[in-house]
């Protein structure tokens, strides 16, 4: 967990460790130290504040994707602005939560990242869904990438783009949640996406 504000860092750690199934193995006060700590401790999930000295959270996210791609990153910030959100998602973040989120939201975000899923705070989700439509060039590129999918895979991608959970997709598609997890994993590989949020944005770009 990386945050340069001691009070925030203490509160976040307390919330996470109150969950029982989560443990904070290391803390850092800047992005560079966070990358070093992650390499030393090999955590499943790294929680990164966006605004930090030396190396900010987005820079740390890029470094982590390069040196420790197995670690899932959740961004934590006071500012859910469009540039921050888009940069984090494009960089492969598995979650984006605001510092005024509820304890349950924070715990859910970390658990989701650990499970290979993604979580956005409701305000961030509304921001993403409220963005204007993609440019024609992006639409064409996204459409070409989705064209490689089978009809069933394309259906699952479209349902992911609706923001549905695996259980909800399973009910909609008439399949088990385990089967949906398999399809989502296949989508991540075939579309070269880091998480289901990237799949959703790609499907949105393609107009799926």
N, C-alpha and C. Protein backbone atom coordinates (compact mmCIF):
# COMPACT_ATOMS: atom_id res chain seq x y z
N UNK A 1 0.84 -1.18 0.00
CA UNK A 1 0.00 0.00 0.00
C UNK A 1 0.88 1.23 0.00
N UNK A 2 0.61 2.16 -0.92
CA UNK A 2 1.43 3.36 -1.01
C UNK A 2 0.56 4.61 -0.92
N UNK A 3 0.88 5.45 0.06
CA UNK A 3 0.20 6.73 0.23
C UNK A 3 1.11 7.62 1.08
N UNK A 4 1.27 8.88 0.67
CA UNK A 4 2.19 9.76 1.38
C UNK A 4 1.54 10.52 2.53
N UNK A 5 0.26 10.28 2.80
CA UNK A 5 -0.42 10.93 3.91
C UNK A 5 -0.57 9.93 5.05
N UNK A 6 0.16 10.09 6.15
CA UNK A 6 0.15 9.11 7.24
C UNK A 6 -1.24 8.79 7.78
N UNK A 7 -2.07 9.80 7.94
CA UNK A 7 -3.41 9.55 8.50
C UNK A 7 -4.24 8.69 7.56
N UNK A 8 -4.18 9.01 6.26
CA UNK A 8 -4.91 8.22 5.27
C UNK A 8 -4.36 6.80 5.24
N UNK A 9 -3.04 6.67 5.22
CA UNK A 9 -2.41 5.35 5.15
C UNK A 9 -2.81 4.48 6.34
N UNK A 10 -2.82 5.08 7.53
CA UNK A 10 -3.21 4.32 8.72
C UNK A 10 -4.66 3.88 8.65
N UNK A 11 -5.52 4.77 8.22
CA UNK A 11 -6.93 4.43 8.10
C UNK A 11 -7.18 3.34 7.08
N UNK A 12 -6.52 3.43 5.93
CA UNK A 12 -6.69 2.43 4.88
C UNK A 12 -6.19 1.07 5.37
N UNK A 13 -5.03 1.06 6.01
CA UNK A 13 -4.50 -0.20 6.52
C UNK A 13 -5.46 -0.83 7.54
N UNK A 14 -6.00 -0.02 8.42
CA UNK A 14 -6.94 -0.52 9.43
C UNK A 14 -8.16 -1.14 8.77
N UNK A 15 -8.70 -0.46 7.76
CA UNK A 15 -9.87 -0.97 7.04
C UNK A 15 -9.55 -2.30 6.38
N UNK A 16 -8.44 -2.37 5.66
CA UNK A 16 -8.09 -3.60 4.94
C UNK A 16 -7.88 -4.77 5.90
N UNK A 17 -7.16 -4.55 6.98
CA UNK A 17 -6.86 -5.65 7.88
C UNK A 17 -8.05 -6.05 8.74
N UNK A 18 -9.08 -5.18 8.77
CA UNK A 18 -10.29 -5.55 9.50
C UNK A 18 -11.09 -6.60 8.74
N UNK A 19 -10.76 -6.78 7.45
CA UNK A 19 -11.51 -7.73 6.63
C UNK A 19 -11.24 -9.18 7.02
N UNK A 20 -10.09 -9.43 7.63
CA UNK A 20 -9.79 -10.78 8.07
C UNK A 20 -9.02 -11.59 7.05
N UNK A 21 -9.38 -11.47 5.77
CA UNK A 21 -8.71 -12.24 4.73
C UNK A 21 -7.69 -11.41 3.97
N UNK A 22 -7.43 -10.18 4.41
CA UNK A 22 -6.47 -9.31 3.76
C UNK A 22 -5.36 -8.92 4.74
N UNK A 23 -4.14 -8.84 4.24
CA UNK A 23 -3.01 -8.43 5.07
C UNK A 23 -2.15 -7.45 4.28
N UNK A 24 -1.76 -6.36 4.92
CA UNK A 24 -0.87 -5.39 4.30
C UNK A 24 0.57 -5.83 4.60
N UNK A 25 1.30 -6.25 3.57
CA UNK A 25 2.64 -6.80 3.79
C UNK A 25 3.72 -5.73 3.77
N UNK A 26 3.41 -4.55 3.20
CA UNK A 26 4.40 -3.47 3.16
C UNK A 26 3.69 -2.16 2.87
N UNK A 27 4.32 -1.06 3.29
CA UNK A 27 3.78 0.27 2.99
C UNK A 27 4.90 1.12 2.39
N UNK A 28 4.49 2.17 1.68
CA UNK A 28 5.45 3.08 1.07
C UNK A 28 4.83 4.46 1.02
N UNK A 29 5.68 5.48 0.94
CA UNK A 29 5.18 6.85 0.91
C UNK A 29 5.43 7.54 -0.43
N UNK A 30 5.99 6.82 -1.39
CA UNK A 30 6.12 7.36 -2.74
C UNK A 30 6.10 6.20 -3.74
N UNK A 31 5.88 6.52 -5.00
CA UNK A 31 5.72 5.48 -6.00
C UNK A 31 6.95 4.64 -6.23
N UNK A 32 8.12 5.25 -6.18
CA UNK A 32 9.36 4.50 -6.39
C UNK A 32 9.57 3.48 -5.29
N UNK A 33 9.32 3.90 -4.04
CA UNK A 33 9.45 2.98 -2.91
C UNK A 33 8.40 1.87 -3.00
N UNK A 34 7.23 2.19 -3.54
CA UNK A 34 6.18 1.18 -3.69
C UNK A 34 6.61 0.09 -4.66
N UNK A 35 7.26 0.48 -5.75
CA UNK A 35 7.72 -0.51 -6.73
C UNK A 35 8.79 -1.40 -6.09
N UNK A 36 9.72 -0.79 -5.36
CA UNK A 36 10.77 -1.59 -4.69
C UNK A 36 10.16 -2.56 -3.68
N UNK A 37 9.19 -2.08 -2.91
CA UNK A 37 8.55 -2.95 -1.91
C UNK A 37 7.79 -4.09 -2.57
N UNK A 38 7.15 -3.79 -3.70
CA UNK A 38 6.41 -4.83 -4.41
C UNK A 38 7.35 -5.91 -4.94
N UNK A 39 8.50 -5.50 -5.45
CA UNK A 39 9.47 -6.48 -5.93
C UNK A 39 10.00 -7.34 -4.80
N UNK A 40 10.14 -6.74 -3.60
CA UNK A 40 10.64 -7.50 -2.46
C UNK A 40 9.61 -8.46 -1.90
N UNK A 41 8.36 -8.00 -1.77
CA UNK A 41 7.34 -8.80 -1.08
C UNK A 41 6.42 -9.57 -2.01
N UNK A 42 6.41 -9.24 -3.31
CA UNK A 42 5.59 -9.95 -4.30
C UNK A 42 4.12 -10.05 -3.86
N UNK A 43 3.46 -8.94 -3.61
CA UNK A 43 2.06 -8.99 -3.17
C UNK A 43 1.13 -9.36 -4.31
N UNK A 44 -0.06 -9.82 -3.95
CA UNK A 44 -1.07 -10.11 -4.97
C UNK A 44 -1.67 -8.82 -5.51
N UNK A 45 -1.83 -7.84 -4.62
CA UNK A 45 -2.47 -6.57 -4.99
C UNK A 45 -1.63 -5.41 -4.46
N UNK A 46 -1.49 -4.36 -5.26
CA UNK A 46 -0.81 -3.14 -4.83
C UNK A 46 -1.81 -2.00 -4.86
N UNK A 47 -1.97 -1.32 -3.74
CA UNK A 47 -2.88 -0.17 -3.65
C UNK A 47 -2.05 1.09 -3.76
N UNK A 48 -2.32 1.91 -4.78
CA UNK A 48 -1.49 3.07 -5.09
C UNK A 48 -2.28 4.37 -5.03
N UNK A 49 -1.81 5.30 -4.22
CA UNK A 49 -2.34 6.66 -4.29
C UNK A 49 -1.83 7.27 -5.59
N UNK A 50 -2.64 8.08 -6.24
CA UNK A 50 -2.20 8.68 -7.50
C UNK A 50 -1.22 9.82 -7.25
N UNK A 51 -1.49 10.68 -6.27
CA UNK A 51 -0.65 11.84 -6.01
C UNK A 51 0.38 11.53 -4.93
N UNK A 52 1.63 11.26 -5.37
CA UNK A 52 2.72 10.97 -4.43
C UNK A 52 4.00 11.62 -4.94
N UNK A 53 4.96 11.86 -4.04
CA UNK A 53 6.23 12.44 -4.47
C UNK A 53 7.13 11.40 -5.14
N UNK A 54 8.23 11.87 -5.71
CA UNK A 54 9.27 11.06 -6.37
C UNK A 54 8.71 10.43 -7.65
N UNK A 55 7.75 9.54 -7.50
CA UNK A 55 7.06 8.91 -8.63
C UNK A 55 5.60 8.79 -8.27
N UNK A 56 4.72 9.36 -9.08
CA UNK A 56 3.30 9.32 -8.72
C UNK A 56 2.72 7.93 -8.97
N UNK A 57 1.45 7.76 -8.60
CA UNK A 57 0.83 6.45 -8.70
C UNK A 57 0.73 5.93 -10.12
N UNK A 58 0.46 6.81 -11.09
CA UNK A 58 0.37 6.37 -12.47
C UNK A 58 1.73 5.92 -12.99
N UNK A 59 2.79 6.63 -12.59
CA UNK A 59 4.13 6.21 -12.97
C UNK A 59 4.49 4.88 -12.34
N UNK A 60 4.11 4.71 -11.07
CA UNK A 60 4.37 3.45 -10.38
C UNK A 60 3.59 2.31 -11.03
N UNK A 61 2.38 2.60 -11.47
CA UNK A 61 1.57 1.59 -12.15
C UNK A 61 2.28 1.09 -13.40
N UNK A 62 2.83 2.03 -14.19
CA UNK A 62 3.56 1.63 -15.39
C UNK A 62 4.78 0.78 -15.08
N UNK A 63 5.52 1.15 -14.02
CA UNK A 63 6.69 0.37 -13.63
C UNK A 63 6.30 -1.02 -13.16
N UNK A 64 5.22 -1.10 -12.39
CA UNK A 64 4.76 -2.41 -11.90
C UNK A 64 4.34 -3.31 -13.04
N UNK A 65 3.66 -2.75 -14.02
CA UNK A 65 3.25 -3.57 -15.17
C UNK A 65 4.47 -4.12 -15.90
N UNK A 66 5.58 -3.37 -15.85
CA UNK A 66 6.79 -3.80 -16.56
C UNK A 66 7.59 -4.82 -15.76
N UNK A 67 7.76 -4.58 -14.46
CA UNK A 67 8.66 -5.43 -13.67
C UNK A 67 7.95 -6.51 -12.87
N UNK A 68 6.65 -6.31 -12.60
CA UNK A 68 5.92 -7.30 -11.81
C UNK A 68 4.48 -7.40 -12.34
N UNK A 69 4.32 -7.90 -13.55
CA UNK A 69 2.99 -7.91 -14.18
C UNK A 69 1.96 -8.77 -13.45
N UNK A 70 2.41 -9.67 -12.57
CA UNK A 70 1.46 -10.52 -11.85
C UNK A 70 0.70 -9.75 -10.78
N UNK A 71 1.25 -8.63 -10.32
CA UNK A 71 0.60 -7.85 -9.26
C UNK A 71 -0.56 -7.04 -9.85
N UNK A 72 -1.68 -7.05 -9.18
CA UNK A 72 -2.85 -6.30 -9.62
C UNK A 72 -2.86 -4.96 -8.89
N UNK A 73 -3.07 -3.88 -9.60
CA UNK A 73 -3.00 -2.55 -9.00
C UNK A 73 -4.38 -1.92 -8.87
N UNK A 74 -4.64 -1.37 -7.71
CA UNK A 74 -5.86 -0.60 -7.44
C UNK A 74 -5.44 0.83 -7.13
N UNK A 75 -6.01 1.79 -7.84
CA UNK A 75 -5.66 3.19 -7.64
C UNK A 75 -6.59 3.81 -6.60
N UNK A 76 -6.01 4.60 -5.72
CA UNK A 76 -6.75 5.27 -4.65
C UNK A 76 -6.47 6.77 -4.75
N UNK A 77 -7.50 7.58 -4.83
CA UNK A 77 -7.27 9.00 -5.02
C UNK A 77 -8.43 9.84 -4.49
N UNK A 78 -8.14 11.09 -4.24
CA UNK A 78 -9.19 12.04 -3.86
C UNK A 78 -9.85 12.62 -5.09
N UNK A 79 -9.22 12.42 -6.25
CA UNK A 79 -9.67 13.10 -7.46
C UNK A 79 -10.04 12.09 -8.54
N UNK A 80 -11.34 11.88 -8.73
CA UNK A 80 -11.80 10.97 -9.77
C UNK A 80 -12.02 11.71 -11.07
N UNK A 81 -10.99 12.42 -11.55
CA UNK A 81 -11.13 13.19 -12.77
C UNK A 81 -10.95 12.31 -13.99
N UNK A 82 -11.51 12.74 -15.10
CA UNK A 82 -11.46 11.95 -16.32
C UNK A 82 -10.04 11.58 -16.74
N UNK A 83 -9.07 12.53 -16.77
CA UNK A 83 -7.71 12.14 -17.19
C UNK A 83 -7.11 11.06 -16.30
N UNK A 84 -7.30 11.19 -14.97
CA UNK A 84 -6.76 10.19 -14.05
C UNK A 84 -7.38 8.82 -14.29
N UNK A 85 -8.69 8.80 -14.44
CA UNK A 85 -9.39 7.52 -14.63
C UNK A 85 -8.95 6.85 -15.92
N UNK A 86 -8.96 7.60 -17.01
CA UNK A 86 -8.60 7.01 -18.31
C UNK A 86 -7.14 6.56 -18.32
N UNK A 87 -6.25 7.35 -17.72
CA UNK A 87 -4.84 6.98 -17.68
C UNK A 87 -4.65 5.70 -16.86
N UNK A 88 -5.36 5.60 -15.74
CA UNK A 88 -5.24 4.41 -14.88
C UNK A 88 -5.76 3.17 -15.60
N UNK A 89 -6.91 3.29 -16.24
CA UNK A 89 -7.48 2.13 -16.92
C UNK A 89 -6.63 1.73 -18.12
N UNK A 90 -6.16 2.73 -18.87
CA UNK A 90 -5.30 2.43 -20.02
C UNK A 90 -4.00 1.79 -19.56
N UNK A 91 -3.56 2.15 -18.34
CA UNK A 91 -2.32 1.59 -17.81
C UNK A 91 -2.48 0.21 -17.21
N UNK A 92 -3.70 -0.29 -17.18
CA UNK A 92 -3.93 -1.65 -16.70
C UNK A 92 -4.35 -1.78 -15.26
N UNK A 93 -4.80 -0.69 -14.64
CA UNK A 93 -5.27 -0.78 -13.25
C UNK A 93 -6.48 -1.70 -13.15
N UNK A 94 -6.53 -2.46 -12.08
CA UNK A 94 -7.65 -3.39 -11.87
C UNK A 94 -8.74 -2.77 -11.01
N UNK A 95 -8.54 -1.53 -10.59
CA UNK A 95 -9.56 -0.88 -9.78
C UNK A 95 -9.24 0.59 -9.61
N UNK A 96 -10.26 1.36 -9.28
CA UNK A 96 -10.10 2.80 -9.09
C UNK A 96 -11.11 3.21 -8.04
N UNK A 97 -10.63 3.59 -6.85
CA UNK A 97 -11.54 3.96 -5.77
C UNK A 97 -11.17 5.35 -5.23
N UNK A 98 -12.17 6.06 -4.76
CA UNK A 98 -11.96 7.39 -4.20
C UNK A 98 -11.76 7.29 -2.69
N UNK A 99 -11.00 8.23 -2.14
CA UNK A 99 -10.66 8.16 -0.72
C UNK A 99 -11.86 8.35 0.20
N UNK A 100 -12.94 8.90 -0.34
CA UNK A 100 -14.12 9.02 0.51
C UNK A 100 -15.09 7.84 0.30
N UNK A 101 -14.58 6.76 -0.30
CA UNK A 101 -15.42 5.56 -0.48
C UNK A 101 -15.70 4.92 0.87
N UNK A 102 -16.64 4.00 0.91
CA UNK A 102 -16.94 3.29 2.14
C UNK A 102 -15.88 2.20 2.37
N UNK A 103 -15.71 1.77 3.61
CA UNK A 103 -14.78 0.66 3.87
C UNK A 103 -15.12 -0.58 3.03
N UNK A 104 -16.40 -0.88 2.88
CA UNK A 104 -16.80 -2.04 2.08
C UNK A 104 -16.35 -1.91 0.63
N UNK A 105 -16.43 -0.70 0.08
CA UNK A 105 -16.00 -0.50 -1.31
C UNK A 105 -14.51 -0.76 -1.45
N UNK A 106 -13.72 -0.27 -0.51
CA UNK A 106 -12.28 -0.48 -0.57
C UNK A 106 -11.93 -1.96 -0.49
N UNK A 107 -12.55 -2.64 0.45
CA UNK A 107 -12.30 -4.08 0.61
C UNK A 107 -12.73 -4.83 -0.64
N UNK A 108 -13.89 -4.47 -1.17
CA UNK A 108 -14.39 -5.13 -2.39
C UNK A 108 -13.44 -4.92 -3.55
N UNK A 109 -12.88 -3.72 -3.68
CA UNK A 109 -11.96 -3.41 -4.77
C UNK A 109 -10.71 -4.28 -4.71
N UNK A 110 -10.16 -4.44 -3.50
CA UNK A 110 -8.96 -5.25 -3.34
C UNK A 110 -9.26 -6.73 -3.59
N UNK A 111 -10.37 -7.20 -3.07
CA UNK A 111 -10.74 -8.60 -3.31
C UNK A 111 -10.99 -8.86 -4.79
N UNK A 112 -11.65 -7.92 -5.46
CA UNK A 112 -11.93 -8.08 -6.88
C UNK A 112 -10.63 -8.14 -7.68
N UNK A 113 -9.70 -7.26 -7.36
CA UNK A 113 -8.42 -7.27 -8.06
C UNK A 113 -7.70 -8.59 -7.86
N UNK A 114 -7.71 -9.09 -6.64
CA UNK A 114 -7.06 -10.36 -6.34
C UNK A 114 -7.69 -11.52 -7.11
N UNK A 115 -8.99 -11.41 -7.37
CA UNK A 115 -9.70 -12.47 -8.10
C UNK A 115 -9.58 -12.31 -9.62
N UNK A 116 -8.84 -11.30 -10.07
CA UNK A 116 -8.70 -11.08 -11.50
C UNK A 116 -9.83 -10.29 -12.09
N UNK A 117 -10.62 -9.69 -11.23
CA UNK A 117 -11.76 -8.88 -11.66
C UNK A 117 -11.37 -7.41 -11.54
N UNK A 118 -12.32 -6.53 -11.69
CA UNK A 118 -12.04 -5.10 -11.57
C UNK A 118 -13.18 -4.42 -10.84
N UNK A 119 -12.86 -3.31 -10.18
CA UNK A 119 -13.86 -2.57 -9.44
C UNK A 119 -13.62 -1.09 -9.61
N UNK A 120 -14.68 -0.35 -9.89
CA UNK A 120 -14.62 1.10 -9.93
C UNK A 120 -15.62 1.65 -8.93
N UNK A 121 -15.23 2.68 -8.19
CA UNK A 121 -16.19 3.35 -7.32
C UNK A 121 -17.37 3.80 -8.16
N UNK A 122 -18.58 3.80 -7.61
CA UNK A 122 -19.77 4.19 -8.39
C UNK A 122 -19.61 5.53 -9.11
N UNK A 123 -19.00 6.51 -8.45
CA UNK A 123 -18.81 7.81 -9.10
C UNK A 123 -17.90 7.69 -10.32
N UNK A 124 -16.88 6.83 -10.20
CA UNK A 124 -15.95 6.64 -11.31
C UNK A 124 -16.64 5.89 -12.45
N UNK A 125 -17.46 4.91 -12.09
CA UNK A 125 -18.21 4.18 -13.11
C UNK A 125 -19.10 5.12 -13.89
N UNK A 126 -19.78 6.01 -13.20
CA UNK A 126 -20.65 6.98 -13.89
C UNK A 126 -19.84 7.88 -14.80
N UNK A 127 -18.64 8.25 -14.35
CA UNK A 127 -17.78 9.09 -15.18
C UNK A 127 -17.39 8.36 -16.47
N UNK A 128 -16.98 7.11 -16.34
CA UNK A 128 -16.56 6.34 -17.50
C UNK A 128 -17.72 6.15 -18.48
N UNK A 129 -18.88 5.78 -17.94
CA UNK A 129 -20.04 5.53 -18.81
C UNK A 129 -20.57 6.82 -19.42
N UNK A 130 -20.26 7.95 -18.79
CA UNK A 130 -20.74 9.22 -19.30
C UNK A 130 -19.83 9.88 -20.31
N UNK A 131 -18.70 9.23 -20.60
CA UNK A 131 -17.77 9.82 -21.56
C UNK A 131 -18.41 9.85 -22.95
N UNK A 132 -17.98 10.79 -23.74
CA UNK A 132 -18.50 10.88 -25.11
C UNK A 132 -18.04 9.69 -25.91
N UNK A 133 -18.71 9.43 -27.01
CA UNK A 133 -18.39 8.29 -27.85
C UNK A 133 -16.99 8.37 -28.42
N UNK A 134 -16.42 7.25 -28.83
CA UNK A 134 -15.06 7.21 -29.34
C UNK A 134 -14.93 7.84 -30.72
N UNK A 135 -13.71 8.25 -31.03
CA UNK A 135 -13.44 8.77 -32.37
C UNK A 135 -13.54 7.64 -33.38
N UNK A 136 -13.75 7.99 -34.65
CA UNK A 136 -13.94 6.98 -35.69
C UNK A 136 -12.75 6.03 -35.78
N UNK A 137 -11.54 6.55 -35.63
CA UNK A 137 -10.36 5.71 -35.72
C UNK A 137 -10.33 4.66 -34.62
N UNK A 138 -10.66 5.07 -33.41
CA UNK A 138 -10.71 4.12 -32.30
C UNK A 138 -11.81 3.11 -32.50
N UNK A 139 -12.94 3.53 -33.03
CA UNK A 139 -14.04 2.60 -33.29
C UNK A 139 -13.62 1.52 -34.28
N UNK A 140 -12.93 1.93 -35.33
CA UNK A 140 -12.50 0.97 -36.35
C UNK A 140 -11.50 -0.03 -35.76
N UNK A 141 -10.54 0.48 -34.97
CA UNK A 141 -9.55 -0.40 -34.38
C UNK A 141 -10.19 -1.37 -33.40
N UNK A 142 -11.09 -0.87 -32.57
CA UNK A 142 -11.77 -1.74 -31.61
C UNK A 142 -12.61 -2.78 -32.32
N UNK A 143 -13.30 -2.37 -33.39
CA UNK A 143 -14.12 -3.31 -34.14
C UNK A 143 -13.29 -4.42 -34.76
N UNK A 144 -12.10 -4.07 -35.24
CA UNK A 144 -11.22 -5.07 -35.83
C UNK A 144 -10.75 -6.08 -34.78
N UNK A 145 -10.46 -5.60 -33.58
CA UNK A 145 -10.02 -6.51 -32.51
C UNK A 145 -11.15 -7.43 -32.07
N UNK A 146 -12.35 -6.89 -31.96
CA UNK A 146 -13.48 -7.72 -31.54
C UNK A 146 -13.92 -8.69 -32.64
N UNK A 147 -13.56 -8.41 -33.88
CA UNK A 147 -13.95 -9.30 -34.98
C UNK A 147 -13.31 -10.67 -34.85
N UNK A 148 -12.23 -10.77 -34.06
CA UNK A 148 -11.56 -12.05 -33.88
C UNK A 148 -12.29 -12.96 -32.90
N UNK A 149 -13.32 -12.43 -32.23
CA UNK A 149 -14.06 -13.22 -31.24
C UNK A 149 -15.13 -14.08 -31.89
N UNK A 150 -15.44 -15.19 -31.22
CA UNK A 150 -16.56 -16.01 -31.65
C UNK A 150 -17.85 -15.28 -31.27
N UNK A 151 -18.98 -15.67 -31.83
CA UNK A 151 -20.25 -15.02 -31.46
C UNK A 151 -20.52 -15.06 -29.96
N UNK A 152 -20.23 -16.18 -29.31
CA UNK A 152 -20.47 -16.28 -27.87
C UNK A 152 -19.51 -15.37 -27.11
N UNK A 153 -18.24 -15.32 -27.53
CA UNK A 153 -17.28 -14.44 -26.87
C UNK A 153 -17.69 -12.98 -27.03
N UNK A 154 -18.18 -12.63 -28.22
CA UNK A 154 -18.63 -11.27 -28.47
C UNK A 154 -19.82 -10.93 -27.58
N UNK A 155 -20.70 -11.91 -27.37
CA UNK A 155 -21.84 -11.69 -26.48
C UNK A 155 -21.38 -11.42 -25.06
N UNK A 156 -20.42 -12.21 -24.60
CA UNK A 156 -19.91 -12.02 -23.23
C UNK A 156 -19.22 -10.67 -23.11
N UNK A 157 -18.47 -10.27 -24.13
CA UNK A 157 -17.79 -8.97 -24.11
C UNK A 157 -18.81 -7.84 -24.01
N UNK A 158 -19.92 -7.96 -24.74
CA UNK A 158 -20.96 -6.93 -24.70
C UNK A 158 -21.60 -6.85 -23.32
N UNK A 159 -21.77 -8.00 -22.67
CA UNK A 159 -22.36 -8.02 -21.33
C UNK A 159 -21.38 -7.47 -20.30
N UNK A 160 -20.09 -7.74 -20.49
CA UNK A 160 -19.07 -7.14 -19.63
C UNK A 160 -19.14 -5.62 -19.75
N UNK A 161 -19.36 -5.14 -20.97
CA UNK A 161 -19.44 -3.69 -21.22
C UNK A 161 -20.64 -3.05 -20.54
N UNK A 162 -21.63 -3.85 -20.18
CA UNK A 162 -22.79 -3.31 -19.46
C UNK A 162 -22.50 -3.16 -17.97
N UNK A 163 -21.31 -3.60 -17.56
CA UNK A 163 -20.93 -3.48 -16.15
C UNK A 163 -21.48 -4.58 -15.28
N UNK A 164 -21.86 -5.70 -15.88
CA UNK A 164 -22.43 -6.81 -15.13
C UNK A 164 -21.34 -7.66 -14.48
N UNK A 165 -21.67 -8.26 -13.35
CA UNK A 165 -20.75 -9.18 -12.70
C UNK A 165 -20.79 -10.52 -13.43
N UNK A 166 -19.85 -11.41 -13.11
CA UNK A 166 -19.86 -12.73 -13.74
C UNK A 166 -21.16 -13.48 -13.46
N UNK A 167 -21.67 -13.36 -12.23
CA UNK A 167 -22.92 -14.04 -11.88
C UNK A 167 -24.08 -13.49 -12.71
N UNK A 168 -24.12 -12.17 -12.88
CA UNK A 168 -25.20 -11.56 -13.65
C UNK A 168 -25.10 -11.93 -15.12
N UNK A 169 -23.88 -11.97 -15.66
CA UNK A 169 -23.69 -12.39 -17.05
C UNK A 169 -24.14 -13.83 -17.23
N UNK A 170 -23.80 -14.67 -16.25
CA UNK A 170 -24.20 -16.07 -16.33
C UNK A 170 -25.70 -16.23 -16.40
N UNK A 171 -26.42 -15.46 -15.57
CA UNK A 171 -27.88 -15.55 -15.60
C UNK A 171 -28.43 -15.05 -16.94
N UNK A 172 -27.83 -13.98 -17.45
CA UNK A 172 -28.31 -13.42 -18.71
C UNK A 172 -28.03 -14.38 -19.89
N UNK A 173 -26.86 -15.03 -19.85
CA UNK A 173 -26.45 -15.89 -20.96
C UNK A 173 -26.84 -17.34 -20.77
N UNK A 174 -27.39 -17.68 -19.59
CA UNK A 174 -27.80 -19.05 -19.35
C UNK A 174 -26.63 -19.99 -19.13
N UNK A 175 -25.57 -19.49 -18.49
CA UNK A 175 -24.39 -20.31 -18.22
C UNK A 175 -23.98 -20.16 -16.77
N UNK A 176 -23.13 -21.07 -16.30
CA UNK A 176 -22.68 -21.00 -14.91
C UNK A 176 -21.66 -19.88 -14.73
N UNK A 177 -21.53 -19.43 -13.49
CA UNK A 177 -20.55 -18.38 -13.21
C UNK A 177 -19.14 -18.85 -13.52
N UNK A 178 -18.85 -20.12 -13.26
CA UNK A 178 -17.53 -20.68 -13.55
C UNK A 178 -17.23 -20.61 -15.05
N UNK A 179 -18.24 -20.93 -15.86
CA UNK A 179 -18.06 -20.86 -17.32
C UNK A 179 -17.80 -19.43 -17.76
N UNK A 180 -18.50 -18.48 -17.15
CA UNK A 180 -18.31 -17.08 -17.51
C UNK A 180 -16.90 -16.64 -17.15
N UNK A 181 -16.40 -17.07 -16.00
CA UNK A 181 -15.02 -16.73 -15.61
C UNK A 181 -14.04 -17.22 -16.66
N UNK A 182 -14.29 -18.41 -17.20
CA UNK A 182 -13.43 -18.96 -18.24
C UNK A 182 -13.49 -18.11 -19.50
N UNK A 183 -14.70 -17.69 -19.86
CA UNK A 183 -14.86 -16.84 -21.05
C UNK A 183 -14.16 -15.49 -20.85
N UNK A 184 -14.30 -14.91 -19.67
CA UNK A 184 -13.68 -13.61 -19.42
C UNK A 184 -12.16 -13.74 -19.49
N UNK A 185 -11.61 -14.80 -18.93
CA UNK A 185 -10.16 -15.03 -19.01
C UNK A 185 -9.72 -15.17 -20.47
N UNK A 186 -10.52 -15.84 -21.26
CA UNK A 186 -10.22 -16.00 -22.68
C UNK A 186 -10.27 -14.66 -23.40
N UNK A 187 -11.24 -13.83 -23.03
CA UNK A 187 -11.34 -12.50 -23.64
C UNK A 187 -10.11 -11.65 -23.33
N UNK A 188 -9.65 -11.70 -22.09
CA UNK A 188 -8.47 -10.93 -21.70
C UNK A 188 -7.27 -11.31 -22.57
N UNK A 189 -7.13 -12.61 -22.82
CA UNK A 189 -6.00 -13.09 -23.63
C UNK A 189 -6.16 -12.71 -25.10
N UNK A 190 -7.33 -12.98 -25.67
CA UNK A 190 -7.53 -12.75 -27.09
C UNK A 190 -7.51 -11.27 -27.46
N UNK A 191 -7.99 -10.43 -26.53
CA UNK A 191 -8.05 -9.00 -26.81
C UNK A 191 -6.84 -8.25 -26.27
N UNK A 192 -5.93 -8.98 -25.61
CA UNK A 192 -4.73 -8.38 -25.01
C UNK A 192 -5.12 -7.26 -24.04
N UNK A 193 -6.06 -7.57 -23.16
CA UNK A 193 -6.53 -6.61 -22.16
C UNK A 193 -6.04 -7.04 -20.78
N UNK A 194 -5.74 -6.06 -19.93
CA UNK A 194 -5.24 -6.36 -18.60
C UNK A 194 -6.36 -6.73 -17.63
N UNK A 195 -7.57 -6.26 -17.88
CA UNK A 195 -8.68 -6.54 -16.97
C UNK A 195 -10.00 -6.33 -17.70
N UNK A 196 -11.10 -6.65 -17.02
CA UNK A 196 -12.40 -6.60 -17.67
C UNK A 196 -12.85 -5.17 -17.96
N UNK A 197 -12.27 -4.19 -17.24
CA UNK A 197 -12.61 -2.81 -17.54
C UNK A 197 -12.10 -2.45 -18.94
N UNK A 198 -10.89 -2.90 -19.27
CA UNK A 198 -10.37 -2.66 -20.61
C UNK A 198 -11.24 -3.34 -21.67
N UNK A 199 -11.72 -4.55 -21.35
CA UNK A 199 -12.63 -5.23 -22.28
C UNK A 199 -13.89 -4.40 -22.48
N UNK A 200 -14.43 -3.87 -21.39
CA UNK A 200 -15.65 -3.06 -21.46
C UNK A 200 -15.43 -1.81 -22.30
N UNK A 201 -14.30 -1.14 -22.10
CA UNK A 201 -14.01 0.07 -22.86
C UNK A 201 -13.79 -0.26 -24.34
N UNK A 202 -13.16 -1.39 -24.62
CA UNK A 202 -12.95 -1.79 -26.01
C UNK A 202 -14.28 -2.09 -26.68
N UNK A 203 -15.16 -2.80 -25.97
CA UNK A 203 -16.49 -3.09 -26.52
C UNK A 203 -17.28 -1.81 -26.74
N UNK A 204 -17.11 -0.87 -25.82
CA UNK A 204 -17.80 0.43 -25.96
C UNK A 204 -17.28 1.16 -27.19
N UNK A 205 -15.95 1.17 -27.37
CA UNK A 205 -15.37 1.82 -28.54
C UNK A 205 -15.90 1.22 -29.84
N UNK A 206 -16.10 -0.11 -29.83
CA UNK A 206 -16.55 -0.79 -31.03
C UNK A 206 -18.06 -0.65 -31.25
N UNK A 207 -18.73 -0.12 -30.24
CA UNK A 207 -20.18 0.02 -30.35
C UNK A 207 -20.91 -1.26 -30.10
N UNK A 208 -20.26 -2.20 -29.36
CA UNK A 208 -20.89 -3.50 -29.08
C UNK A 208 -22.07 -3.32 -28.13
